[in-house]
Amino acid sequence: MSVQRSPFERLREKFDDSELRCPACGYVDTDGGWRVTASGSRVRYQFVCPTCDAVETRELRLK
């Protein structure tokens, strides 16, 4: 049985698979992941480092 995933879920999975290194301290969070929030025409992906609390944000704007 095939599971349908939205493009936003697939992008979050890409971030989870490849971008879990904190740009501030270099910590690699192998147990963490990106949080996704949506508001109107914006979709925001955020990664919060559990070591230093730095926040990495990516935002998509839909037209």
N, C-alpha and C. Protein backbone atom coordinates (compact mmCIF):
# COMPACT_ATOMS: atom_id res chain seq x y z
N MET A 1 0.84 -1.18 0.00
CA MET A 1 0.00 0.00 0.00
C MET A 1 0.89 1.25 0.00
N SER A 2 0.63 2.16 -0.87
CA SER A 2 1.41 3.38 -1.00
C SER A 2 0.88 4.46 -0.05
N VAL A 3 1.80 5.14 0.61
CA VAL A 3 1.42 6.23 1.52
C VAL A 3 1.66 7.55 0.80
N GLN A 4 0.63 8.36 0.70
CA GLN A 4 0.76 9.67 0.06
C GLN A 4 1.25 10.68 1.08
N ARG A 5 2.30 11.41 0.72
CA ARG A 5 2.83 12.46 1.59
C ARG A 5 2.79 13.77 0.83
N SER A 6 2.54 14.83 1.55
CA SER A 6 2.50 16.14 0.92
C SER A 6 3.92 16.58 0.56
N PRO A 7 4.04 17.54 -0.34
CA PRO A 7 5.37 18.08 -0.66
C PRO A 7 6.05 18.67 0.57
N PHE A 8 5.27 19.23 1.49
CA PHE A 8 5.84 19.82 2.71
C PHE A 8 6.42 18.74 3.63
N GLU A 9 5.74 17.61 3.72
CA GLU A 9 6.26 16.49 4.51
C GLU A 9 7.54 15.94 3.89
N ARG A 10 7.57 15.85 2.57
CA ARG A 10 8.78 15.34 1.90
C ARG A 10 9.96 16.29 2.10
N LEU A 11 9.71 17.60 2.08
CA LEU A 11 10.79 18.56 2.32
C LEU A 11 11.29 18.47 3.76
N ARG A 12 10.38 18.33 4.73
CA ARG A 12 10.80 18.18 6.13
C ARG A 12 11.65 16.93 6.28
N GLU A 13 11.27 15.84 5.62
CA GLU A 13 12.06 14.61 5.68
C GLU A 13 13.45 14.82 5.09
N LYS A 14 13.54 15.62 4.02
CA LYS A 14 14.85 15.93 3.44
C LYS A 14 15.71 16.67 4.45
N PHE A 15 15.14 17.68 5.13
CA PHE A 15 15.88 18.40 6.16
C PHE A 15 16.29 17.45 7.28
N ASP A 16 15.36 16.59 7.72
CA ASP A 16 15.66 15.65 8.80
C ASP A 16 16.79 14.70 8.43
N ASP A 17 16.85 14.32 7.16
CA ASP A 17 17.87 13.37 6.71
C ASP A 17 19.24 14.01 6.50
N SER A 18 19.28 15.31 6.20
CA SER A 18 20.55 15.88 5.79
C SER A 18 21.01 17.13 6.53
N GLU A 19 20.13 17.79 7.26
CA GLU A 19 20.51 19.08 7.83
C GLU A 19 20.22 19.17 9.32
N LEU A 20 20.88 18.31 10.08
CA LEU A 20 20.68 18.31 11.52
C LEU A 20 21.93 18.78 12.28
N ARG A 21 22.84 19.46 11.59
CA ARG A 21 24.04 20.01 12.23
C ARG A 21 23.77 21.46 12.58
N CYS A 22 24.02 21.80 13.83
CA CYS A 22 23.82 23.17 14.28
C CYS A 22 24.87 24.08 13.66
N PRO A 23 24.46 25.16 13.00
CA PRO A 23 25.43 26.06 12.40
C PRO A 23 26.20 26.88 13.44
N ALA A 24 25.66 27.00 14.64
CA ALA A 24 26.32 27.80 15.69
C ALA A 24 27.40 27.02 16.44
N CYS A 25 27.08 25.79 16.85
CA CYS A 25 28.04 25.05 17.68
C CYS A 25 28.56 23.76 17.04
N GLY A 26 27.94 23.33 15.92
CA GLY A 26 28.40 22.14 15.22
C GLY A 26 27.81 20.83 15.72
N TYR A 27 26.99 20.87 16.74
CA TYR A 27 26.37 19.66 17.28
C TYR A 27 25.47 19.01 16.22
N VAL A 28 25.56 17.68 16.09
CA VAL A 28 24.70 16.94 15.17
C VAL A 28 23.63 16.24 15.99
N ASP A 29 22.39 16.62 15.79
CA ASP A 29 21.26 16.09 16.55
C ASP A 29 20.65 14.91 15.80
N THR A 30 21.13 13.72 16.06
CA THR A 30 20.66 12.53 15.35
C THR A 30 19.26 12.11 15.80
N ASP A 31 18.81 12.58 16.94
CA ASP A 31 17.48 12.21 17.43
C ASP A 31 16.43 13.28 17.18
N GLY A 32 16.85 14.43 16.70
CA GLY A 32 15.93 15.56 16.53
C GLY A 32 15.36 15.64 15.14
N GLY A 33 14.78 16.78 14.87
CA GLY A 33 14.21 17.00 13.56
C GLY A 33 13.73 18.43 13.42
N TRP A 34 13.25 18.74 12.26
CA TRP A 34 12.75 20.07 11.96
C TRP A 34 11.27 20.14 12.31
N ARG A 35 10.86 21.26 12.90
CA ARG A 35 9.45 21.51 13.18
C ARG A 35 8.86 22.28 12.00
N VAL A 36 7.62 22.00 11.68
CA VAL A 36 6.95 22.67 10.57
C VAL A 36 5.72 23.38 11.09
N THR A 37 5.58 24.66 10.72
CA THR A 37 4.37 25.41 11.02
C THR A 37 3.93 26.12 9.75
N ALA A 38 2.63 26.31 9.62
CA ALA A 38 2.10 27.00 8.45
C ALA A 38 1.13 28.08 8.90
N SER A 39 1.18 29.19 8.19
CA SER A 39 0.29 30.31 8.49
C SER A 39 0.01 31.04 7.18
N GLY A 40 -1.22 30.97 6.74
CA GLY A 40 -1.56 31.63 5.49
C GLY A 40 -0.75 31.09 4.33
N SER A 41 0.02 31.94 3.69
CA SER A 41 0.81 31.52 2.53
C SER A 41 2.26 31.22 2.88
N ARG A 42 2.57 31.08 4.17
CA ARG A 42 3.95 30.80 4.60
C ARG A 42 4.04 29.43 5.29
N VAL A 43 5.11 28.72 4.96
CA VAL A 43 5.43 27.46 5.63
C VAL A 43 6.81 27.63 6.20
N ARG A 44 6.95 27.47 7.51
CA ARG A 44 8.22 27.69 8.19
C ARG A 44 8.72 26.37 8.78
N TYR A 45 9.99 26.09 8.48
CA TYR A 45 10.70 24.93 9.02
C TYR A 45 11.73 25.47 10.01
N GLN A 46 11.75 24.90 11.23
CA GLN A 46 12.71 25.36 12.22
C GLN A 46 13.41 24.17 12.88
N PHE A 47 14.71 24.36 13.07
CA PHE A 47 15.53 23.39 13.80
C PHE A 47 16.09 24.12 15.01
N VAL A 48 15.83 23.59 16.20
CA VAL A 48 16.33 24.18 17.44
C VAL A 48 17.39 23.24 18.01
N CYS A 49 18.60 23.75 18.17
CA CYS A 49 19.70 22.94 18.69
C CYS A 49 19.45 22.64 20.17
N PRO A 50 19.48 21.37 20.56
CA PRO A 50 19.27 21.02 21.96
C PRO A 50 20.46 21.37 22.86
N THR A 51 21.61 21.66 22.26
CA THR A 51 22.80 21.98 23.03
C THR A 51 22.92 23.47 23.32
N CYS A 52 22.77 24.30 22.30
CA CYS A 52 22.99 25.74 22.50
C CYS A 52 21.74 26.59 22.25
N ASP A 53 20.62 25.96 21.90
CA ASP A 53 19.34 26.63 21.64
C ASP A 53 19.35 27.57 20.44
N ALA A 54 20.34 27.45 19.57
CA ALA A 54 20.33 28.23 18.33
C ALA A 54 19.17 27.76 17.46
N VAL A 55 18.60 28.67 16.69
CA VAL A 55 17.46 28.35 15.85
C VAL A 55 17.83 28.57 14.38
N GLU A 56 17.64 27.56 13.58
CA GLU A 56 17.83 27.64 12.13
C GLU A 56 16.43 27.64 11.52
N THR A 57 16.14 28.63 10.68
CA THR A 57 14.80 28.77 10.10
C THR A 57 14.88 28.81 8.58
N ARG A 58 13.98 28.09 7.97
CA ARG A 58 13.78 28.14 6.51
C ARG A 58 12.31 28.45 6.30
N GLU A 59 12.01 29.35 5.39
CA GLU A 59 10.62 29.74 5.17
C GLU A 59 10.29 29.72 3.69
N LEU A 60 9.15 29.13 3.37
CA LEU A 60 8.65 29.12 2.01
C LEU A 60 7.41 30.00 1.94
N ARG A 61 7.31 30.77 0.89
CA ARG A 61 6.12 31.58 0.67
C ARG A 61 5.41 31.06 -0.57
N LEU A 62 4.14 30.78 -0.41
CA LEU A 62 3.36 30.24 -1.50
C LEU A 62 2.60 31.36 -2.20
N LYS A 63 2.50 31.24 -3.50
CA LYS A 63 1.74 32.25 -4.27
C LYS A 63 0.48 31.65 -4.78
